[in-house]
Amino acid sequence: MAGIEEATAYSRLSHYESGTHKPSFELVCSFAKVLDVPECYFYTVDDEFAEAVLALYQGFKTES
């Protein structure tokens, strides 16, 4: 769904989560589309700020 083959998805996602590998920006964009979040959500370090970004994004979607 996000451009990752099912057979390797668990391993690849685990490597991304642990920081062993970094996904390309294109892959992050695919994740964002599938999860319906803005791309910048994945690059925000502060959890509270990430929640604010998500709320703003959802607000814009509601207005559209």
Foldseek 3Di string as FASTA:
>chain_A
DLPDDPVCVVVVVVCCVVVVDPDDLSSLVSVCVVVVADSCLVVDDDPVVSVVRRVVSVVVVVVD
